[in-house]
PDB file of N, CA and C in Angstrom:
ATOM      1  N   MET A   1      68.666 215.990 102.021  1.00  0.00           N
ATOM      2  CA  MET A   1      67.935 216.586 103.018  1.00  0.00           C
ATOM      3  C   MET A   1      68.831 217.629 103.809  1.00  0.00           C
ATOM      4  N   ASP A   2      68.437 218.785 103.957  1.00  0.00           N
ATOM      5  CA  ASP A   2      69.341 219.760 104.645  1.00  0.00           C
ATOM      6  C   ASP A   2      69.394 219.500 106.107  1.00  0.00           C
ATOM      7  N   THR A   3      70.312 219.906 106.739  1.00  0.00           N
ATOM      8  CA  THR A   3      70.637 219.624 108.265  1.00  0.00           C
ATOM      9  C   THR A   3      69.498 220.138 108.986  1.00  0.00           C
ATOM     10  N   ASP A   4      69.022 221.381 108.672  1.00  0.00           N
ATOM     11  CA  ASP A   4      67.989 222.028 109.444  1.00  0.00           C
ATOM     12  C   ASP A   4      66.840 221.215 109.629  1.00  0.00           C
ATOM     13  N   THR A   5      66.357 220.715 108.312  1.00  0.00           N
ATOM     14  CA  THR A   5      65.100 219.918 108.227  1.00  0.00           C
ATOM     15  C   THR A   5      65.298 218.588 109.112  1.00  0.00           C
ATOM     16  N   LEU A   6      66.414 218.019 109.059  1.00  0.00           N
ATOM     17  CA  LEU A   6      66.632 216.771 109.735  1.00  0.00           C
ATOM     18  C   LEU A   6      66.710 217.016 111.188  1.00  0.00           C
ATOM     19  N   SER A   7      67.159 218.138 111.564  1.00  0.00           N
ATOM     20  CA  SER A   7      67.234 218.615 113.088  1.00  0.00           C
ATOM     21  C   SER A   7      65.722 218.789 113.620  1.00  0.00           C
ATOM     22  N   LYS A   8      64.943 219.391 112.757  1.00  0.00           N
ATOM     23  CA  LYS A   8      63.706 219.692 113.155  1.00  0.00           C
ATOM     24  C   LYS A   8      62.932 218.395 113.356  1.00  0.00           C
ATOM     25  N   THR A   9      63.026 217.265 112.477  1.00  0.00           N
ATOM     26  CA  THR A   9      62.461 216.146 112.543  1.00  0.00           C
ATOM     27  C   THR A   9      62.880 215.205 113.778  1.00  0.00           C
ATOM     28  N   PHE A  10      64.150 215.227 114.086  1.00  0.00           N
ATOM     29  CA  PHE A  10      64.485 214.597 115.339  1.00  0.00           C
ATOM     30  C   PHE A  10      64.200 215.293 116.492  1.00  0.00           C
ATOM     31  N   SER A  11      64.147 216.569 116.469  1.00  0.00           N
ATOM     32  CA  SER A  11      63.576 217.458 117.611  1.00  0.00           C
ATOM     33  C   SER A  11      62.226 217.050 117.889  1.00  0.00           C
ATOM     34  N   ALA A  12      61.428 217.020 116.797  1.00  0.00           N
ATOM     35  CA  ALA A  12      59.943 216.625 117.071  1.00  0.00           C
ATOM     36  C   ALA A  12      59.653 215.273 117.583  1.00  0.00           C
ATOM     37  N   LEU A  13      60.601 214.398 117.117  1.00  0.00           N
ATOM     38  CA  LEU A  13      60.420 212.848 117.422  1.00  0.00           C
ATOM     39  C   LEU A  13      61.030 212.675 118.918  1.00  0.00           C
ATOM     40  N   ALA A  14      61.752 213.703 119.516  1.00  0.00           N
ATOM     41  CA  ALA A  14      62.388 213.447 120.753  1.00  0.00           C
ATOM     42  C   ALA A  14      61.201 213.558 121.882  1.00  0.00           C
ATOM     43  N   ASP A  15      60.209 214.165 121.677  1.00  0.00           N
ATOM     44  CA  ASP A  15      59.181 214.421 122.747  1.00  0.00           C
ATOM     45  C   ASP A  15      58.126 213.232 122.719  1.00  0.00           C
ATOM     46  N   PRO A  16      57.952 212.705 124.048  1.00  0.00           N
ATOM     47  CA  PRO A  16      57.189 211.444 124.069  1.00  0.00           C
ATOM     48  C   PRO A  16      55.616 211.785 123.719  1.00  0.00           C
ATOM     49  N   THR A  17      55.142 213.050 124.084  1.00  0.00           N
ATOM     50  CA  THR A  17      53.882 213.397 123.694  1.00  0.00           C
ATOM     51  C   THR A  17      53.578 213.521 122.114  1.00  0.00           C
ATOM     52  N   ARG A  18      54.548 213.942 121.559  1.00  0.00           N
ATOM     53  CA  ARG A  18      54.477 214.007 120.024  1.00  0.00           C
ATOM     54  C   ARG A  18      54.564 212.600 119.356  1.00  0.00           C
ATOM     55  N   ARG A  19      55.468 211.766 120.002  1.00  0.00           N
ATOM     56  CA  ARG A  19      55.432 210.374 119.488  1.00  0.00           C
ATOM     57  C   ARG A  19      54.107 209.771 119.746  1.00  0.00           C
ATOM     58  N   ALA A  20      53.444 209.973 120.878  1.00  0.00           N
ATOM     59  CA  ALA A  20      52.089 209.423 121.030  1.00  0.00           C
ATOM     60  C   ALA A  20      51.120 209.864 120.165  1.00  0.00           C
ATOM     61  N   ILE A  21      51.202 211.102 119.723  1.00  0.00           N
ATOM     62  CA  ILE A  21      50.393 211.752 118.764  1.00  0.00           C
ATOM     63  C   ILE A  21      50.630 211.017 117.366  1.00  0.00           C
ATOM     64  N   LEU A  22      51.772 210.824 117.032  1.00  0.00           N
ATOM     65  CA  LEU A  22      52.154 210.208 115.708  1.00  0.00           C
ATOM     66  C   LEU A  22      51.644 208.807 115.792  1.00  0.00           C
ATOM     67  N   ALA A  23      51.755 208.132 116.888  1.00  0.00           N
ATOM     68  CA  ALA A  23      51.140 206.743 116.996  1.00  0.00           C
ATOM     69  C   ALA A  23      49.640 206.630 116.707  1.00  0.00           C
ATOM     70  N   ARG A  24      48.923 207.643 117.265  1.00  0.00           N
ATOM     71  CA  ARG A  24      47.518 207.842 117.201  1.00  0.00           C
ATOM     72  C   ARG A  24      47.354 208.052 115.705  1.00  0.00           C
ATOM     73  N   LEU A  25      47.898 208.927 115.052  1.00  0.00           N
ATOM     74  CA  LEU A  25      47.688 209.207 113.657  1.00  0.00           C
ATOM     75  C   LEU A  25      48.016 208.059 112.615  1.00  0.00           C
ATOM     76  N   ALA A  26      49.040 207.178 113.124  1.00  0.00           N
ATOM     77  CA  ALA A  26      49.365 205.988 112.259  1.00  0.00           C
ATOM     78  C   ALA A  26      47.975 205.184 112.175  1.00  0.00           C
ATOM     79  N   GLN A  27      46.994 205.363 113.083  1.00  0.00           N
ATOM     80  CA  GLN A  27      45.685 204.554 112.984  1.00  0.00           C
ATOM     81  C   GLN A  27      44.776 205.203 111.968  1.00  0.00           C
ATOM     82  N   GLY A  28      44.962 206.449 111.668  1.00  0.00           N
ATOM     83  CA  GLY A  28      44.110 207.172 110.745  1.00  0.00           C
ATOM     84  C   GLY A  28      44.079 208.647 111.113  1.00  0.00           C
ATOM     85  N   ALA A  29      43.367 209.302 110.359  1.00  0.00           N
ATOM     86  CA  ALA A  29      43.275 210.804 110.526  1.00  0.00           C
ATOM     87  C   ALA A  29      42.502 211.148 111.764  1.00  0.00           C
ATOM     88  N   ALA A  30      42.802 212.318 112.421  1.00  0.00           N
ATOM     89  CA  ALA A  30      42.050 212.631 113.579  1.00  0.00           C
ATOM     90  C   ALA A  30      41.928 214.101 113.856  1.00  0.00           C
ATOM     91  N   THR A  31      40.980 214.595 114.376  1.00  0.00           N
ATOM     92  CA  THR A  31      40.887 216.026 114.671  1.00  0.00           C
ATOM     93  C   THR A  31      41.653 216.331 115.902  1.00  0.00           C
ATOM     94  N   VAL A  32      41.873 217.642 115.979  1.00  0.00           N
ATOM     95  CA  VAL A  32      42.772 218.253 117.208  1.00  0.00           C
ATOM     96  C   VAL A  32      42.052 217.718 118.588  1.00  0.00           C
ATOM     97  N   GLY A  33      40.824 217.882 118.606  1.00  0.00           N
ATOM     98  CA  GLY A  33      40.207 217.485 119.909  1.00  0.00           C
ATOM     99  C   GLY A  33      40.396 215.988 120.054  1.00  0.00           C
ATOM    100  N   GLU A  34      40.318 215.029 119.127  1.00  0.00           N
ATOM    101  CA  GLU A  34      40.366 213.684 119.191  1.00  0.00           C
ATOM    102  C   GLU A  34      41.957 213.407 119.752  1.00  0.00           C
ATOM    103  N   LEU A  35      42.776 214.190 119.235  1.00  0.00           N
ATOM    104  CA  LEU A  35      44.271 213.877 119.561  1.00  0.00           C
ATOM    105  C   LEU A  35      44.506 214.375 121.010  1.00  0.00           C
ATOM    106  N   ALA A  36      43.811 215.322 121.354  1.00  0.00           N
ATOM    107  CA  ALA A  36      44.022 215.961 122.781  1.00  0.00           C
ATOM    108  C   ALA A  36      43.475 215.089 123.823  1.00  0.00           C
ATOM    109  N   GLU A  37      42.401 214.232 123.554  1.00  0.00           N
ATOM    110  CA  GLU A  37      41.645 213.531 124.578  1.00  0.00           C
ATOM    111  C   GLU A  37      42.532 212.736 125.470  1.00  0.00           C
ATOM    112  N   PRO A  38      43.472 211.931 125.170  1.00  0.00           N
ATOM    113  CA  PRO A  38      44.343 211.066 125.996  1.00  0.00           C
ATOM    114  C   PRO A  38      45.158 211.812 126.823  1.00  0.00           C
ATOM    115  N   PHE A  39      45.488 213.092 126.586  1.00  0.00           N
ATOM    116  CA  PHE A  39      46.415 213.944 127.346  1.00  0.00           C
ATOM    117  C   PHE A  39      45.876 214.870 128.354  1.00  0.00           C
ATOM    118  N   ASP A  40      46.632 214.791 129.516  1.00  0.00           N
ATOM    119  CA  ASP A  40      46.266 215.897 130.530  1.00  0.00           C
ATOM    120  C   ASP A  40      46.902 217.201 130.379  1.00  0.00           C
ATOM    121  N   MET A  41      46.402 217.810 129.276  1.00  0.00           N
ATOM    122  CA  MET A  41      46.984 219.178 128.909  1.00  0.00           C
ATOM    123  C   MET A  41      46.034 220.064 128.188  1.00  0.00           C
ATOM    124  N   SER A  42      46.188 221.211 128.217  1.00  0.00           N
ATOM    125  CA  SER A  42      45.247 222.184 127.459  1.00  0.00           C
ATOM    126  C   SER A  42      45.089 221.873 125.900  1.00  0.00           C
ATOM    127  N   LEU A  43      43.978 222.293 125.277  1.00  0.00           N
ATOM    128  CA  LEU A  43      44.089 222.225 123.815  1.00  0.00           C
ATOM    129  C   LEU A  43      45.159 223.099 123.185  1.00  0.00           C
ATOM    130  N   PRO A  44      45.445 224.406 123.672  1.00  0.00           N
ATOM    131  CA  PRO A  44      46.552 225.017 123.116  1.00  0.00           C
ATOM    132  C   PRO A  44      47.858 224.310 123.299  1.00  0.00           C
ATOM    133  N   ALA A  45      48.172 223.674 124.284  1.00  0.00           N
ATOM    134  CA  ALA A  45      49.336 222.884 124.564  1.00  0.00           C
ATOM    135  C   ALA A  45      49.537 221.777 123.374  1.00  0.00           C
ATOM    136  N   VAL A  46      48.279 221.188 123.231  1.00  0.00           N
ATOM    137  CA  VAL A  46      48.287 220.153 122.170  1.00  0.00           C
ATOM    138  C   VAL A  46      48.560 220.813 120.895  1.00  0.00           C
ATOM    139  N   SER A  47      47.973 221.885 120.635  1.00  0.00           N
ATOM    140  CA  SER A  47      48.073 222.613 119.361  1.00  0.00           C
ATOM    141  C   SER A  47      49.689 222.867 119.038  1.00  0.00           C
ATOM    142  N   ARG A  48      50.303 223.328 120.087  1.00  0.00           N
ATOM    143  CA  ARG A  48      51.845 223.683 119.905  1.00  0.00           C
ATOM    144  C   ARG A  48      52.552 222.453 119.542  1.00  0.00           C
ATOM    145  N   HIS A  49      52.281 221.274 120.197  1.00  0.00           N
ATOM    146  CA  HIS A  49      52.921 219.941 119.798  1.00  0.00           C
ATOM    147  C   HIS A  49      52.593 219.677 118.280  1.00  0.00           C
ATOM    148  N   LEU A  50      51.499 219.910 117.743  1.00  0.00           N
ATOM    149  CA  LEU A  50      50.882 219.743 116.457  1.00  0.00           C
ATOM    150  C   LEU A  50      51.706 220.812 115.498  1.00  0.00           C
ATOM    151  N   ARG A  51      51.819 221.868 115.958  1.00  0.00           N
ATOM    152  CA  ARG A  51      52.645 223.006 115.183  1.00  0.00           C
ATOM    153  C   ARG A  51      54.087 222.442 115.073  1.00  0.00           C
ATOM    154  N   VAL A  52      54.730 221.910 115.970  1.00  0.00           N
ATOM    155  CA  VAL A  52      56.126 221.267 115.810  1.00  0.00           C
ATOM    156  C   VAL A  52      56.096 220.266 114.820  1.00  0.00           C
ATOM    157  N   LEU A  53      55.179 219.301 114.992  1.00  0.00           N
ATOM    158  CA  LEU A  53      55.062 218.288 114.081  1.00  0.00           C
ATOM    159  C   LEU A  53      54.838 218.687 112.499  1.00  0.00           C
ATOM    160  N   THR A  54      53.999 219.638 112.467  1.00  0.00           N
ATOM    161  CA  THR A  54      53.853 220.256 111.101  1.00  0.00           C
ATOM    162  C   THR A  54      55.011 220.863 110.583  1.00  0.00           C
ATOM    163  N   ASP A  55      55.695 221.751 111.398  1.00  0.00           N
ATOM    164  CA  ASP A  55      56.901 222.408 110.931  1.00  0.00           C
ATOM    165  C   ASP A  55      58.078 221.411 110.487  1.00  0.00           C
ATOM    166  N   ALA A  56      57.999 220.273 111.251  1.00  0.00           N
ATOM    167  CA  ALA A  56      58.999 219.228 110.810  1.00  0.00           C
ATOM    168  C   ALA A  56      58.565 218.455 109.601  1.00  0.00           C
ATOM    169  N   GLY A  57      57.361 218.650 109.206  1.00  0.00           N
ATOM    170  CA  GLY A  57      56.898 218.009 107.937  1.00  0.00           C
ATOM    171  C   GLY A  57      56.514 216.542 108.127  1.00  0.00           C
ATOM    172  N   LEU A  58      56.096 216.265 109.455  1.00  0.00           N
ATOM    173  CA  LEU A  58      55.606 214.912 109.864  1.00  0.00           C
ATOM    174  C   LEU A  58      54.088 214.732 109.740  1.00  0.00           C
ATOM    175  N   ILE A  59      53.456 215.822 109.875  1.00  0.00           N
ATOM    176  CA  ILE A  59      51.890 215.852 109.845  1.00  0.00           C
ATOM    177  C   ILE A  59      51.488 216.877 108.877  1.00  0.00           C
ATOM    178  N   GLU A  60      50.293 216.745 108.423  1.00  0.00           N
ATOM    179  CA  GLU A  60      49.401 217.736 107.674  1.00  0.00           C
ATOM    180  C   GLU A  60      48.275 218.018 108.241  1.00  0.00           C
ATOM    181  N   ARG A  61      47.888 219.319 108.318  1.00  0.00           N
ATOM    182  CA  ARG A  61      46.503 219.659 109.025  1.00  0.00           C
ATOM    183  C   ARG A  61      45.754 220.360 107.896  1.00  0.00           C
ATOM    184  N   GLN A  62      44.547 219.833 107.770  1.00  0.00           N
ATOM    185  CA  GLN A  62      43.597 220.328 106.723  1.00  0.00           C
ATOM    186  C   GLN A  62      42.285 220.730 107.510  1.00  0.00           C
ATOM    187  N   THR A  63      41.826 221.809 106.983  1.00  0.00           N
ATOM    188  CA  THR A  63      40.493 222.270 107.675  1.00  0.00           C
ATOM    189  C   THR A  63      39.384 221.783 106.816  1.00  0.00           C
ATOM    190  N   GLU A  64      38.351 221.117 107.359  1.00  0.00           N
ATOM    191  CA  GLU A  64      37.275 220.583 106.768  1.00  0.00           C
ATOM    192  C   GLU A  64      36.007 221.226 107.541  1.00  0.00           C
ATOM    193  N   ALA A  65      35.274 222.141 107.013  1.00  0.00           N
ATOM    194  CA  ALA A  65      34.247 222.913 107.689  1.00  0.00           C
ATOM    195  C   ALA A  65      34.806 223.461 108.970  1.00  0.00           C
ATOM    196  N   GLN A  66      34.217 223.205 110.194  1.00  0.00           N
ATOM    197  CA  GLN A  66      34.834 223.775 111.387  1.00  0.00           C
ATOM    198  C   GLN A  66      35.938 222.867 112.010  1.00  0.00           C
ATOM    199  N   TRP A  67      36.250 221.665 111.445  1.00  0.00           N
ATOM    200  CA  TRP A  67      37.120 220.754 112.012  1.00  0.00           C
ATOM    201  C   TRP A  67      38.579 220.878 111.315  1.00  0.00           C
ATOM    202  N   ARG A  68      39.520 220.649 112.171  1.00  0.00           N
ATOM    203  CA  ARG A  68      40.921 220.638 111.674  1.00  0.00           C
ATOM    204  C   ARG A  68      41.434 219.101 111.761  1.00  0.00           C
ATOM    205  N   ARG A  69      41.561 218.477 110.623  1.00  0.00           N
ATOM    206  CA  ARG A  69      41.950 217.029 110.704  1.00  0.00           C
ATOM    207  C   ARG A  69      43.498 216.985 110.357  1.00  0.00           C
ATOM    208  N   CYS A  70      44.014 216.160 111.116  1.00  0.00           N
ATOM    209  CA  CYS A  70      45.485 215.852 110.916  1.00  0.00           C
ATOM    210  C   CYS A  70      45.845 214.539 110.337  1.00  0.00           C
ATOM    211  N   THR A  71      46.778 214.405 109.624  1.00  0.00           N
ATOM    212  CA  THR A  71      47.242 213.132 109.060  1.00  0.00           C
ATOM    213  C   THR A  71      48.730 213.100 109.011  1.00  0.00           C
ATOM    214  N   LEU A  72      49.221 211.882 108.850  1.00  0.00           N
ATOM    215  CA  LEU A  72      50.716 211.609 108.752  1.00  0.00           C
ATOM    216  C   LEU A  72      51.052 211.949 107.260  1.00  0.00           C
ATOM    217  N   ARG A  73      52.262 212.482 107.216  1.00  0.00           N
ATOM    218  CA  ARG A  73      52.976 212.607 105.931  1.00  0.00           C
ATOM    219  C   ARG A  73      54.216 211.670 105.726  1.00  0.00           C
ATOM    220  N   ALA A  74      54.074 210.753 105.056  1.00  0.00           N
ATOM    221  CA  ALA A  74      55.171 209.716 104.779  1.00  0.00           C
ATOM    222  C   ALA A  74      56.445 210.434 104.481  1.00  0.00           C
ATOM    223  N   GLU A  75      56.381 211.637 103.691  1.00  0.00           N
ATOM    224  CA  GLU A  75      57.660 212.096 103.134  1.00  0.00           C
ATOM    225  C   GLU A  75      58.460 212.682 104.270  1.00  0.00           C
ATOM    226  N   GLY A  76      57.753 213.139 105.333  1.00  0.00           N
ATOM    227  CA  GLY A  76      58.466 213.657 106.320  1.00  0.00           C
ATOM    228  C   GLY A  76      59.239 212.857 107.213  1.00  0.00           C
ATOM    229  N   PHE A  77      59.074 211.454 107.134  1.00  0.00           N
ATOM    230  CA  PHE A  77      59.559 210.443 107.694  1.00  0.00           C
ATOM    231  C   PHE A  77      60.747 209.775 106.903  1.00  0.00           C
ATOM    232  N   ARG A  78      60.743 210.060 105.587  1.00  0.00           N
ATOM    233  CA  ARG A  78      61.544 209.298 104.634  1.00  0.00           C
ATOM    234  C   ARG A  78      63.008 209.760 104.966  1.00  0.00           C
ATOM    235  N   ALA A  79      63.266 211.010 105.092  1.00  0.00           N
ATOM    236  CA  ALA A  79      64.708 211.564 105.318  1.00  0.00           C
ATOM    237  C   ALA A  79      65.156 211.007 106.417  1.00  0.00           C
ATOM    238  N   ALA A  80      64.548 211.074 107.559  1.00  0.00           N
ATOM    239  CA  ALA A  80      65.124 210.654 108.893  1.00  0.00           C
ATOM    240  C   ALA A  80      65.409 209.042 108.727  1.00  0.00           C
ATOM    241  N   ALA A  81      64.409 208.279 108.056  1.00  0.00           N
ATOM    242  CA  ALA A  81      64.679 206.871 107.938  1.00  0.00           C
ATOM    243  C   ALA A  81      65.859 206.609 107.074  1.00  0.00           C
ATOM    244  N   ASP A  82      66.093 207.385 105.999  1.00  0.00           N
ATOM    245  CA  ASP A  82      67.321 207.301 105.128  1.00  0.00           C
ATOM    246  C   ASP A  82      68.569 207.487 105.868  1.00  0.00           C
ATOM    247  N   TRP A  83      68.443 208.561 106.754  1.00  0.00           N
ATOM    248  CA  TRP A  83      69.645 208.913 107.527  1.00  0.00           C
ATOM    249  C   TRP A  83      69.935 207.764 108.504  1.00  0.00           C
ATOM    250  N   ILE A  84      69.085 207.313 109.212  1.00  0.00           N
ATOM    251  CA  ILE A  84      69.262 206.330 110.200  1.00  0.00           C
ATOM    252  C   ILE A  84      69.785 204.919 109.357  1.00  0.00           C
ATOM    253  N   ASP A  85      69.180 204.740 108.237  1.00  0.00           N
ATOM    254  CA  ASP A  85      69.468 203.463 107.450  1.00  0.00           C
ATOM    255  C   ASP A  85      70.887 203.442 106.921  1.00  0.00           C
ATOM    256  N   PHE A  86      71.359 204.616 106.635  1.00  0.00           N
ATOM    257  CA  PHE A  86      72.861 204.895 106.233  1.00  0.00           C
ATOM    258  C   PHE A  86      73.790 204.470 107.393  1.00  0.00           C
ATOM    259  N   TYR A  87      73.461 204.981 108.613  1.00  0.00           N
ATOM    260  CA  TYR A  87      74.340 204.650 109.817  1.00  0.00           C
ATOM    261  C   TYR A  87      74.084 203.171 110.133  1.00  0.00           C
ATOM    262  N   ARG A  88      72.889 202.602 110.066  1.00  0.00           N
ATOM    263  CA  ARG A  88      72.696 201.141 110.260  1.00  0.00           C
ATOM    264  C   ARG A  88      73.579 200.226 109.503  1.00  0.00           C
ATOM    265  N   ARG A  89      73.631 200.671 108.208  1.00  0.00           N
ATOM    266  CA  ARG A  89      74.464 199.776 107.240  1.00  0.00           C
ATOM    267  C   ARG A  89      75.998 200.069 107.524  1.00  0.00           C
ATOM    268  N   PHE A  90      76.327 201.373 107.895  1.00  0.00           N
ATOM    269  CA  PHE A  90      77.758 201.561 108.281  1.00  0.00           C
ATOM    270  C   PHE A  90      78.148 200.711 109.484  1.00  0.00           C
ATOM    271  N   TRP A  91      77.320 200.610 110.486  1.00  0.00           N
ATOM    272  CA  TRP A  91      77.745 199.813 111.715  1.00  0.00           C
ATOM    273  C   TRP A  91      77.597 198.460 111.408  1.00  0.00           C
ATOM    274  N   GLU A  92      76.673 198.060 110.692  1.00  0.00           N
ATOM    275  CA  GLU A  92      76.685 196.588 110.263  1.00  0.00           C
ATOM    276  C   GLU A  92      77.924 196.095 109.635  1.00  0.00           C
ATOM    277  N   ALA A  93      78.333 196.953 108.649  1.00  0.00           N
ATOM    278  CA  ALA A  93      79.680 196.596 107.938  1.00  0.00           C
ATOM    279  C   ALA A  93      80.883 196.625 108.907  1.00  0.00           C
ATOM    280  N   ARG A  94      80.907 197.638 109.699  1.00  0.00           N
ATOM    281  CA  ARG A  94      82.061 197.620 110.818  1.00  0.00           C
ATOM    282  C   ARG A  94      81.886 196.294 111.682  1.00  0.00           C
ATOM    283  N   PHE A  95      80.749 196.033 112.191  1.00  0.00           N
ATOM    284  CA  PHE A  95      80.720 194.795 113.034  1.00  0.00           C
ATOM    285  C   PHE A  95      81.012 193.548 112.340  1.00  0.00           C
ATOM    286  N   ASP A  96      80.622 193.389 110.953  1.00  0.00           N
ATOM    287  CA  ASP A  96      81.107 192.345 110.227  1.00  0.00           C
ATOM    288  C   ASP A  96      82.513 192.164 110.033  1.00  0.00           C
ATOM    289  N   GLN A  97      83.222 193.410 109.908  1.00  0.00           N
ATOM    290  CA  GLN A  97      84.741 193.451 109.864  1.00  0.00           C
ATOM    291  C   GLN A  97      85.246 192.978 111.093  1.00  0.00           C
ATOM    292  N   LEU A  98      84.767 193.476 112.230  1.00  0.00           N
ATOM    293  CA  LEU A  98      85.140 193.072 113.614  1.00  0.00           C
ATOM    294  C   LEU A  98      85.062 191.621 113.640  1.00  0.00           C
ATOM    295  N   ASP A  99      83.932 190.993 113.373  1.00  0.00           N
ATOM    296  CA  ASP A  99      83.710 189.434 113.441  1.00  0.00           C
ATOM    297  C   ASP A  99      84.764 188.763 112.688  1.00  0.00           C
ATOM    298  N   ALA A 100      85.017 189.139 111.521  1.00  0.00           N
ATOM    299  CA  ALA A 100      85.972 188.623 110.617  1.00  0.00           C
ATOM    300  C   ALA A 100      87.416 188.732 111.226  1.00  0.00           C
ATOM    301  N   PHE A 101      87.741 189.849 111.717  1.00  0.00           N
ATOM    302  CA  PHE A 101      89.138 190.039 112.448  1.00  0.00           C
ATOM    303  C   PHE A 101      89.190 189.048 113.682  1.00  0.00           C
ATOM    304  N   LEU A 102      88.151 189.008 114.380  1.00  0.00           N
ATOM    305  CA  LEU A 102      88.232 188.113 115.575  1.00  0.00           C
ATOM    306  C   LEU A 102      88.290 186.687 115.270  1.00  0.00           C
ATOM    307  N   GLU A 103      87.605 186.374 114.216  1.00  0.00           N
ATOM    308  CA  GLU A 103      87.751 184.787 113.675  1.00  0.00           C
ATOM    309  C   GLU A 103      89.159 184.639 113.351  1.00  0.00           C
ATOM    310  N   ARG A 104      89.792 185.477 112.655  1.00  0.00           N
ATOM    311  CA  ARG A 104      91.141 185.342 112.024  1.00  0.00           C
ATOM    312  C   ARG A 104      92.173 185.335 113.243  1.00  0.00           C
ATOM    313  N   THR A 105      92.000 186.106 114.110  1.00  0.00           N
ATOM    314  CA  THR A 105      93.007 186.216 115.267  1.00  0.00           C
ATOM    315  C   THR A 105      92.626 185.205 116.588  1.00  0.00           C
ATOM    316  N   ALA A 106      91.538 184.669 116.504  1.00  0.00           N
ATOM    317  CA  ALA A 106      91.229 183.704 117.655  1.00  0.00           C
ATOM    318  C   ALA A 106      92.325 182.648 117.833  1.00  0.00           C
ATOM    319  N   PRO A 107      92.652 182.407 119.121  1.00  0.00           N
ATOM    320  CA  PRO A 107      93.651 181.394 119.446  1.00  0.00           C
ATOM    321  C   PRO A 107      93.012 179.999 119.162  1.00  0.00           C
ATOM    322  N   GLU A 108      93.770 178.989 118.704  1.00  0.00           N
ATOM    323  CA  GLU A 108      93.357 177.731 118.435  1.00  0.00           C
ATOM    324  C   GLU A 108      92.928 177.043 119.861  1.00  0.00           C
ATOM    325  N   PRO A 109      91.924 176.360 119.866  1.00  0.00           N
ATOM    326  CA  PRO A 109      91.522 175.766 121.083  1.00  0.00           C
ATOM    327  C   PRO A 109      92.619 174.738 121.570  1.00  0.00           C
ATOM    328  N   LYS A 110      92.961 174.599 122.788  1.00  0.00           N
ATOM    329  CA  LYS A 110      93.968 173.587 123.297  1.00  0.00           C
ATOM    330  C   LYS A 110      93.366 172.222 123.347  1.00  0.00           C
ATOM    331  N   LYS A 111      94.279 171.400 122.870  1.00  0.00           N
ATOM    332  CA  LYS A 111      93.785 169.887 122.717  1.00  0.00           C
ATOM    333  C   LYS A 111      94.130 169.331 124.136  1.00  0.00           C
ATOM    334  N   GLY A 112      93.230 168.398 124.643  1.00  0.00           N
ATOM    335  CA  GLY A 112      93.498 167.797 125.818  1.00  0.00           C
ATOM    336  C   GLY A 112      92.095 167.239 126.309  1.00  0.00           C
ATOM    337  N   ARG A 113      92.073 167.044 127.545  1.00  0.00           N
ATOM    338  CA  ARG A 113      90.899 166.449 128.315  1.00  0.00           C
ATOM    339  C   ARG A 113      89.681 167.368 127.975  1.00  0.00           C
ATOM    340  N   ARG A 114      88.456 166.788 127.667  1.00  0.00           N
ATOM    341  CA  ARG A 114      87.262 167.510 127.573  1.00  0.00           C
ATOM    342  C   ARG A 114      86.581 168.176 128.679  1.00  0.00           C
ATOM    343  N   ASP A 115      86.984 167.678 129.945  1.00  0.00           N
ATOM    344  CA  ASP A 115      86.318 168.234 130.992  1.00  0.00           C
ATOM    345  C   ASP A 115      87.025 169.432 131.509  1.00  0.00           C
ATOM    346  N   GLY A 116      88.086 169.802 130.818  1.00  0.00           N
ATOM    347  CA  GLY A 116      88.799 170.967 131.288  1.00  0.00           C
ATOM    348  C   GLY A 116      89.896 170.917 132.225  1.00  0.00           C
ATOM    349  N   ARG A 117      89.841 169.651 132.900  1.00  0.00           N
ATOM    350  CA  ARG A 117      90.948 169.563 134.015  1.00  0.00           C
ATOM    351  C   ARG A 117      92.312 168.977 133.426  1.00  0.00           C
ATOM    352  N   ARG A 118      93.379 169.337 134.106  1.00  0.00           N
ATOM    353  CA  ARG A 118      94.675 169.177 133.790  1.00  0.00           C
ATOM    354  C   ARG A 118      94.914 167.625 134.266  1.00  0.00           C
ATOM    355  N   ARG A 119      95.932 166.931 133.535  1.00  0.00           N
ATOM    356  CA  ARG A 119      96.210 165.623 134.080  1.00  0.00           C
ATOM    357  C   ARG A 119      97.258 165.565 135.047  1.00  0.00           C
TER     358      ARG A 119
END
């Protein structure tokens, strides 16, 4: 995936309104009006959010008669998920290396009384 597309995806996901729209679409297709209902904003403002999501490849808008239905596009999320997964695996490997290092270099516990007091 090219950097520009990935940037569009993360930019689209950065907005809480757009994330809420995506959460609603995860329940199934919806019209623009249905998506706008829970928000205290104009229909044109919601349409701008939908355009950003469409440009990022996260949703698809289809016209059926006079209705515009929106649906999620799994392909739009795949590249971002792959990018995140790459770095998750990278950091897990690094933390595993750190754990191994700390285990090798940890001082031996001192022998003595169990209550921690000196004699």
